[in-house]
Every structure is written in C-alpha cells, then in structure tokens.
Amino acid sequence: MEKVSLWLVATPIGNRGDFAPRALEVLNDVDFIAAEDTRNSGMLLSSFGIKKPMISYFDHNRKAHGEKILARLKAGESCALITDAGMPAVSDPGEDLVSDCIELGLRVSAVPGPCAFVTALAMSGLPSRRFTFEGFLPTVKKEKTALFETLKTEPRTMIFYEAPHRLKDTLSEFEAVFGSDRRIACVREITKIYEECIRSTLSQAVARYQNTDPRGEFVLVVEGCTAEDLPAPDEDQILALWREKAAEGLGKSAAAKAIAKEYSLSKQEVYDLIKEL
C-alpha cells in the first residue's frame, strides 16, 4: 500500500483513557508531529512515552508552517497532525493542510477517535438523523446576522461550539432568532469529572445561565425548525411556487400536493387557490 504522508490523529477530548491504541502506534511511528499547541500536546504525549520532533500548526501560522510541513512530506517524511482535543481538520486549520496534500498527490489517512460535537449530539436526545455542524459563530456582527438569517428555517438539528464568556449572549441571540420554546442541549466538560448535559428550552437555558457563571467549553445542540415554527405562507408565495412547479411540467394536482407538503397545508387548500389559474 502507498505510504501515508499525513496522518490525522484524534486525541482525547477529556479523559486520557479514550486515546486509541492505534493512534499511539501511529504517533510512535511517524517522523514528526504537527500540533495545535506543542506545550499541551507535548505533556499529553509524554505521559504515554511518546517523544517525537514537533512543529506548531495553528490558525496564525498555518501558511508559513504549512509550507514547512509540506516540504518535509514531499521529501519523504511522514507527519501526524493533532489538535489540543478531538479530530483535526474539522473546524480547524488542518483542513488547509489536507487540501494541500491532496493537491500534491500525497496520501492522507486518519485514525478516528473522540469528537466533541458528535458526542454531544448523541447525548442531547435531539434528532440526529440529519444535522448541521456550524462550529464557532462569527465574531463580526454582520456575518453573524447573515448566518442567523439562513438558520431561521433550518430543519436539521444545529450544533455550535461556544466559549464560556460568550455563552450568555449567544443563548439570548438564539432565543431571539429561534424562539423561546426551541429545545437545546448545553453540553460541557465531555468525558471529564464535571461533565454536564443540560437539556431545556432556550428560555430556560437563558434563565439558568443568568445566575450561573458558565465554565468550560460548550457544545450547543439546538433543535431544528419544525413545520409549526414556519410562518404561514401568503397567497402570493403559494402562487409564485405554483408557477415554478408549472414551469417544471407538474399538473395542478401534483403541484398542489407538493406545495401542501412544503408548507404543511392540506392539498385541498392549495388546490382551491390554484384551480382557476
């Protein structure tokens, strides 16, 4: 089999016992390790007896250090990319490194393992068949507003990362955008001693953290928009959609059925509106 140039190795998100044996094998086998924080990762790896040359690779040095890593890989060395916790290259600058390796024809493989957002989703009790991972919210207000606009009617379960000092503001913004009764799971300290998963509505979450100082990094799992949450369509919207369906070649009965399903209306309601057209 072709030699792996870049390994993506998942590290524990809390409990060190979650470090996979295969991950330790790979870390012992590669020529060097690229880490988000060489000090934190150095202490973790040292506790498992792993001593390898390390290079830092994070958001602010991704270009310069990425070029150094790629040069070594092209020369035939192998590297394991790790983050402080969880799976690298997901909501992480490692995404760029993977893309560059693929473009250069270098083989990339992974050792799967702990991942905070998937674990939080599984713990949340909210629908998990379809979901969207949004990572950290934008810090620029204009960008955040634009994102919220696209998520107002998002039917899939939504997952966000949030820092403790921003949690109260974020929960208040969620309530304003998604409504007081939307369900949420606030998950923190996953696999650690103080692991906590608070399942509530958004209004209850806002009230809870008004009087409690949030601690630890949070994963926020928010229920998607249901049909009942959608604003009722007006006649102009229905007629506009009917014209689109007609242009696609649908007859009135089939179009009425499709429109009724999309807006959670009865087929007869829609048909009565478009039958004279």
Protein backbone atom coordinates (compact mmCIF):
# COMPACT_ATOMS: atom_id res chain seq x y z
CA MET A 1 0.00 0.00 0.00
CA GLU A 2 1.07 3.56 -0.72
CA LYS A 3 2.87 5.22 2.17
CA VAL A 4 0.79 7.63 4.25
CA SER A 5 2.34 11.11 4.27
CA LEU A 6 -0.12 12.84 6.59
CA TRP A 7 -1.97 11.11 9.40
CA LEU A 8 -4.94 12.84 11.06
CA VAL A 9 -4.95 11.54 14.61
CA ALA A 10 -7.80 12.15 17.05
CA THR A 11 -6.77 12.94 20.63
CA PRO A 12 -8.86 12.67 23.83
CA ILE A 13 -11.38 15.47 24.45
CA GLY A 14 -11.02 14.99 28.20
CA ASN A 15 -10.44 11.50 29.54
CA ARG A 16 -6.99 10.25 28.52
CA GLY A 17 -8.28 6.70 28.60
CA ASP A 18 -10.02 7.45 25.29
CA PHE A 19 -6.67 7.59 23.43
CA ALA A 20 -6.91 4.76 20.88
CA PRO A 21 -4.10 2.15 20.83
CA ARG A 22 -3.77 2.58 17.06
CA ALA A 23 -3.39 6.33 17.50
CA LEU A 24 -0.47 5.74 19.85
CA GLU A 25 1.09 3.33 17.35
CA VAL A 26 0.91 5.89 14.56
CA LEU A 27 2.28 8.69 16.74
CA ASN A 28 5.24 6.48 17.66
CA ASP A 29 5.82 5.56 14.01
CA VAL A 30 5.76 8.93 12.18
CA ASP A 31 8.81 11.10 11.63
CA PHE A 32 7.34 14.18 13.29
CA ILE A 33 4.11 15.58 14.79
CA ALA A 34 2.31 18.83 13.93
CA ALA A 35 0.33 20.10 16.92
CA GLU A 36 -2.02 22.99 17.66
CA ASP A 37 -0.13 23.72 20.89
CA THR A 38 3.21 21.91 21.24
CA ARG A 39 3.30 22.50 25.01
CA ASN A 40 -0.10 20.97 25.74
CA SER A 41 0.38 18.16 23.26
CA GLY A 42 3.93 17.58 24.48
CA MET A 43 2.66 16.91 28.02
CA LEU A 44 -0.06 14.58 26.73
CA LEU A 45 2.29 12.59 24.51
CA SER A 46 4.97 12.44 27.18
CA SER A 47 2.51 10.79 29.56
CA PHE A 48 2.24 7.97 27.00
CA GLY A 49 6.00 7.76 26.49
CA ILE A 50 5.90 9.34 23.01
CA LYS A 51 8.88 11.54 22.20
CA LYS A 52 8.91 12.88 18.65
CA PRO A 53 10.06 16.12 16.98
CA MET A 54 7.15 18.58 16.96
CA ILE A 55 6.15 21.64 14.95
CA SER A 56 3.34 24.00 15.85
CA TYR A 57 0.50 24.38 13.38
CA PHE A 58 -2.44 26.64 14.21
CA ASP A 59 -4.55 29.39 12.70
CA HIS A 60 -1.99 32.22 12.82
CA ASN A 61 0.97 30.28 11.41
CA ARG A 62 -0.87 27.90 9.08
CA LYS A 63 0.67 29.38 5.92
CA ALA A 64 4.33 29.56 6.98
CA HIS A 65 4.39 26.33 8.96
CA GLY A 66 2.14 24.60 6.46
CA GLU A 67 4.78 25.19 3.79
CA LYS A 68 7.47 23.73 6.07
CA ILE A 69 5.37 20.65 6.75
CA LEU A 70 4.60 20.12 3.06
CA ALA A 71 8.27 20.44 2.14
CA ARG A 72 9.15 17.67 4.59
CA LEU A 73 6.33 15.47 3.35
CA LYS A 74 7.41 15.92 -0.26
CA ALA A 75 10.92 14.89 0.83
CA GLY A 76 9.50 11.57 2.03
CA GLU A 77 8.86 12.15 5.73
CA SER A 78 5.59 11.27 7.48
CA CYS A 79 3.66 13.51 9.85
CA ALA A 80 0.80 13.12 12.32
CA LEU A 81 -1.45 16.14 12.72
CA ILE A 82 -3.14 16.53 16.12
CA THR A 83 -5.13 19.25 17.88
CA ASP A 84 -5.48 20.03 21.59
CA ALA A 85 -8.55 17.79 21.67
CA GLY A 86 -10.61 15.80 19.21
CA MET A 87 -10.38 15.25 15.48
CA PRO A 88 -8.06 17.52 13.48
CA ALA A 89 -9.15 19.20 10.21
CA VAL A 90 -12.75 19.68 11.44
CA SER A 91 -13.43 23.36 12.19
CA ASP A 92 -9.65 23.55 12.27
CA PRO A 93 -6.81 24.90 10.05
CA GLY A 94 -5.78 21.31 9.36
CA GLU A 95 -8.40 21.46 6.61
CA ASP A 96 -5.95 23.54 4.54
CA LEU A 97 -3.10 21.12 5.10
CA VAL A 98 -5.23 18.17 3.99
CA SER A 99 -6.30 20.02 0.86
CA ASP A 100 -2.70 20.92 0.00
CA CYS A 101 -1.55 17.33 0.47
CA ILE A 102 -4.29 16.03 -1.82
CA GLU A 103 -3.37 18.60 -4.45
CA LEU A 104 0.25 17.43 -4.31
CA GLY A 105 -0.75 13.78 -4.61
CA LEU A 106 0.34 12.93 -1.07
CA ARG A 107 -1.65 10.26 0.72
CA VAL A 108 -3.75 11.34 3.70
CA SER A 109 -5.28 8.90 6.18
CA ALA A 110 -6.84 9.13 9.63
CA VAL A 111 -7.08 7.40 12.98
CA PRO A 112 -10.66 8.12 14.11
CA GLY A 113 -11.47 8.82 17.71
CA PRO A 114 -13.04 11.36 20.08
CA CYS A 115 -15.06 14.21 18.56
CA ALA A 116 -16.88 16.70 20.79
CA PHE A 117 -19.75 17.69 18.52
CA VAL A 118 -20.72 14.13 17.54
CA THR A 119 -20.56 13.04 21.18
CA ALA A 120 -22.71 16.00 22.28
CA LEU A 121 -25.26 15.26 19.55
CA ALA A 122 -25.53 11.65 20.71
CA MET A 123 -26.02 12.80 24.32
CA SER A 124 -28.52 15.56 23.51
CA GLY A 125 -31.61 13.46 22.88
CA LEU A 126 -32.42 15.67 19.88
CA PRO A 127 -32.97 14.28 16.35
CA SER A 128 -29.65 13.01 14.98
CA ARG A 129 -30.55 11.54 11.58
CA ARG A 130 -29.86 14.88 9.90
CA PHE A 131 -27.80 17.68 11.45
CA THR A 132 -25.60 20.64 10.54
CA PHE A 133 -22.33 21.44 12.32
CA GLU A 134 -21.76 25.20 12.44
CA GLY A 135 -18.67 25.31 14.67
CA PHE A 136 -17.95 28.67 16.31
CA LEU A 137 -20.26 31.58 15.45
CA PRO A 138 -18.72 34.50 13.53
CA THR A 139 -17.43 37.31 15.74
CA VAL A 140 -18.30 40.02 13.20
CA LYS A 141 -21.88 41.12 13.85
CA LYS A 142 -22.80 41.47 10.16
CA GLU A 143 -21.60 37.94 9.43
CA LYS A 144 -23.40 36.53 12.46
CA THR A 145 -26.66 38.25 11.47
CA ALA A 146 -26.39 36.83 7.95
CA LEU A 147 -25.78 33.33 9.33
CA PHE A 148 -28.77 33.53 11.69
CA GLU A 149 -30.93 34.60 8.75
CA THR A 150 -30.05 31.37 6.92
CA LEU A 151 -30.64 29.25 10.03
CA LYS A 152 -34.07 30.62 10.97
CA THR A 153 -35.82 27.94 8.95
CA GLU A 154 -33.11 25.24 9.16
CA PRO A 155 -34.96 21.93 9.75
CA ARG A 156 -31.88 19.94 10.79
CA THR A 157 -30.51 19.81 14.32
CA MET A 158 -27.82 22.52 14.63
CA ILE A 159 -24.55 22.16 16.53
CA PHE A 160 -22.32 25.02 17.68
CA TYR A 161 -19.14 25.45 19.71
CA GLU A 162 -19.07 28.30 22.20
CA ALA A 163 -16.64 29.72 24.76
CA PRO A 164 -17.92 30.30 28.32
CA HIS A 165 -17.50 34.09 28.25
CA ARG A 166 -19.79 34.35 25.20
CA LEU A 167 -22.40 31.78 26.24
CA LYS A 168 -24.95 34.14 27.83
CA ASP A 169 -25.04 36.47 24.83
CA THR A 170 -25.24 33.56 22.40
CA LEU A 171 -28.16 31.93 24.22
CA SER A 172 -30.03 35.25 24.23
CA GLU A 173 -29.40 35.62 20.50
CA PHE A 174 -30.61 32.06 19.89
CA GLU A 175 -33.83 32.78 21.79
CA ALA A 176 -34.44 35.93 19.75
CA VAL A 177 -33.86 34.10 16.45
CA PHE A 178 -35.30 30.64 17.11
CA GLY A 179 -37.95 31.34 19.74
CA SER A 180 -38.32 30.64 23.46
CA ASP A 181 -39.68 27.10 23.15
CA ARG A 182 -36.98 25.69 20.85
CA ARG A 183 -35.17 22.81 22.57
CA ILE A 184 -31.43 22.94 23.29
CA ALA A 185 -28.81 20.79 24.98
CA CYS A 186 -25.89 22.66 26.57
CA VAL A 187 -23.06 20.13 26.86
CA ARG A 188 -19.73 20.82 28.55
CA GLU A 189 -16.69 19.07 30.02
CA ILE A 190 -17.40 15.93 27.97
CA THR A 191 -15.70 12.80 29.45
CA LYS A 192 -14.30 14.88 32.36
CA ILE A 193 -15.19 14.84 36.06
CA TYR A 194 -17.70 17.70 35.76
CA GLU A 195 -19.36 16.51 32.55
CA GLU A 196 -22.78 18.10 32.19
CA CYS A 197 -25.59 17.96 29.65
CA ILE A 198 -28.41 20.42 30.39
CA ARG A 199 -31.48 19.71 28.24
CA SER A 200 -34.06 22.50 28.22
CA THR A 201 -35.81 25.11 26.10
CA LEU A 202 -33.92 28.22 25.04
CA SER A 203 -35.82 30.41 27.51
CA GLN A 204 -34.93 28.03 30.34
CA ALA A 205 -31.27 27.97 29.27
CA VAL A 206 -31.13 31.78 29.20
CA ALA A 207 -32.64 31.96 32.70
CA ARG A 208 -30.30 29.27 34.05
CA TYR A 209 -27.10 30.98 32.97
CA GLN A 210 -28.19 34.45 34.04
CA ASN A 211 -27.47 33.35 37.60
CA THR A 212 -24.73 30.78 36.89
CA ASP A 213 -21.28 31.59 35.58
CA PRO A 214 -20.59 29.25 32.65
CA ARG A 215 -17.38 27.23 32.94
CA GLY A 216 -15.62 25.12 30.35
CA GLU A 217 -16.02 24.93 26.58
CA PHE A 218 -19.60 24.32 25.44
CA VAL A 219 -21.19 22.35 22.64
CA LEU A 220 -24.69 23.70 21.96
CA VAL A 221 -27.11 21.35 20.23
CA VAL A 222 -30.22 23.21 19.02
CA GLU A 223 -33.41 21.68 17.69
CA GLY A 224 -34.17 22.43 14.05
CA CYS A 225 -37.17 24.34 12.78
CA THR A 226 -40.42 22.37 12.71
CA ALA A 227 -43.36 22.94 10.37
CA GLU A 228 -45.22 24.64 13.24
CA ASP A 229 -42.39 27.19 13.56
CA LEU A 230 -42.65 28.31 9.95
CA PRO A 231 -44.67 31.46 9.23
CA ALA A 232 -47.87 30.75 7.34
CA PRO A 233 -47.38 31.40 3.61
CA ASP A 234 -49.49 34.09 1.97
CA GLU A 235 -51.32 33.62 -1.33
CA ASP A 236 -48.61 35.38 -3.34
CA GLN A 237 -45.98 32.91 -2.06
CA ILE A 238 -48.15 29.93 -2.92
CA LEU A 239 -48.92 31.29 -6.39
CA ALA A 240 -45.24 32.02 -7.05
CA LEU A 241 -44.36 28.46 -6.08
CA TRP A 242 -47.19 27.13 -8.25
CA ARG A 243 -45.73 28.96 -11.26
CA GLU A 244 -42.36 27.33 -10.57
CA LYS A 245 -43.98 23.89 -10.38
CA ALA A 246 -45.97 24.52 -13.56
CA ALA A 247 -42.77 25.56 -15.36
CA GLU A 248 -41.29 22.22 -14.29
CA GLY A 249 -44.19 20.47 -16.02
CA LEU A 250 -46.25 19.48 -12.95
CA GLY A 251 -50.03 19.35 -13.30
CA LYS A 252 -52.26 21.14 -10.82
CA SER A 253 -52.96 18.11 -8.67
CA ALA A 254 -49.30 17.11 -8.37
CA ALA A 255 -48.26 20.74 -7.80
CA ALA A 256 -50.89 21.19 -5.09
CA LYS A 257 -49.63 18.06 -3.34
CA ALA A 258 -46.00 19.22 -3.48
CA ILE A 259 -46.81 22.75 -2.27
CA ALA A 260 -49.05 21.45 0.53
CA LYS A 261 -46.25 19.21 1.78
CA GLU A 262 -43.71 22.04 1.72
CA TYR A 263 -45.93 24.41 3.72
CA SER A 264 -47.71 21.81 5.90
CA LEU A 265 -51.08 22.73 4.39
CA SER A 266 -53.86 20.50 3.15
CA LYS A 267 -53.76 19.64 -0.54
CA GLN A 268 -57.35 20.90 -0.90
CA GLU A 269 -56.41 24.35 0.46
CA VAL A 270 -53.71 24.74 -2.17
CA TYR A 271 -55.79 23.24 -4.97
CA ASP A 272 -58.71 25.61 -4.28
CA LEU A 273 -56.29 28.54 -4.66
CA ILE A 274 -54.70 27.46 -7.96
CA LYS A 275 -57.52 25.54 -9.67
CA GLU A 276 -58.82 28.58 -11.58
CA LEU A 277 -55.38 29.50 -12.98
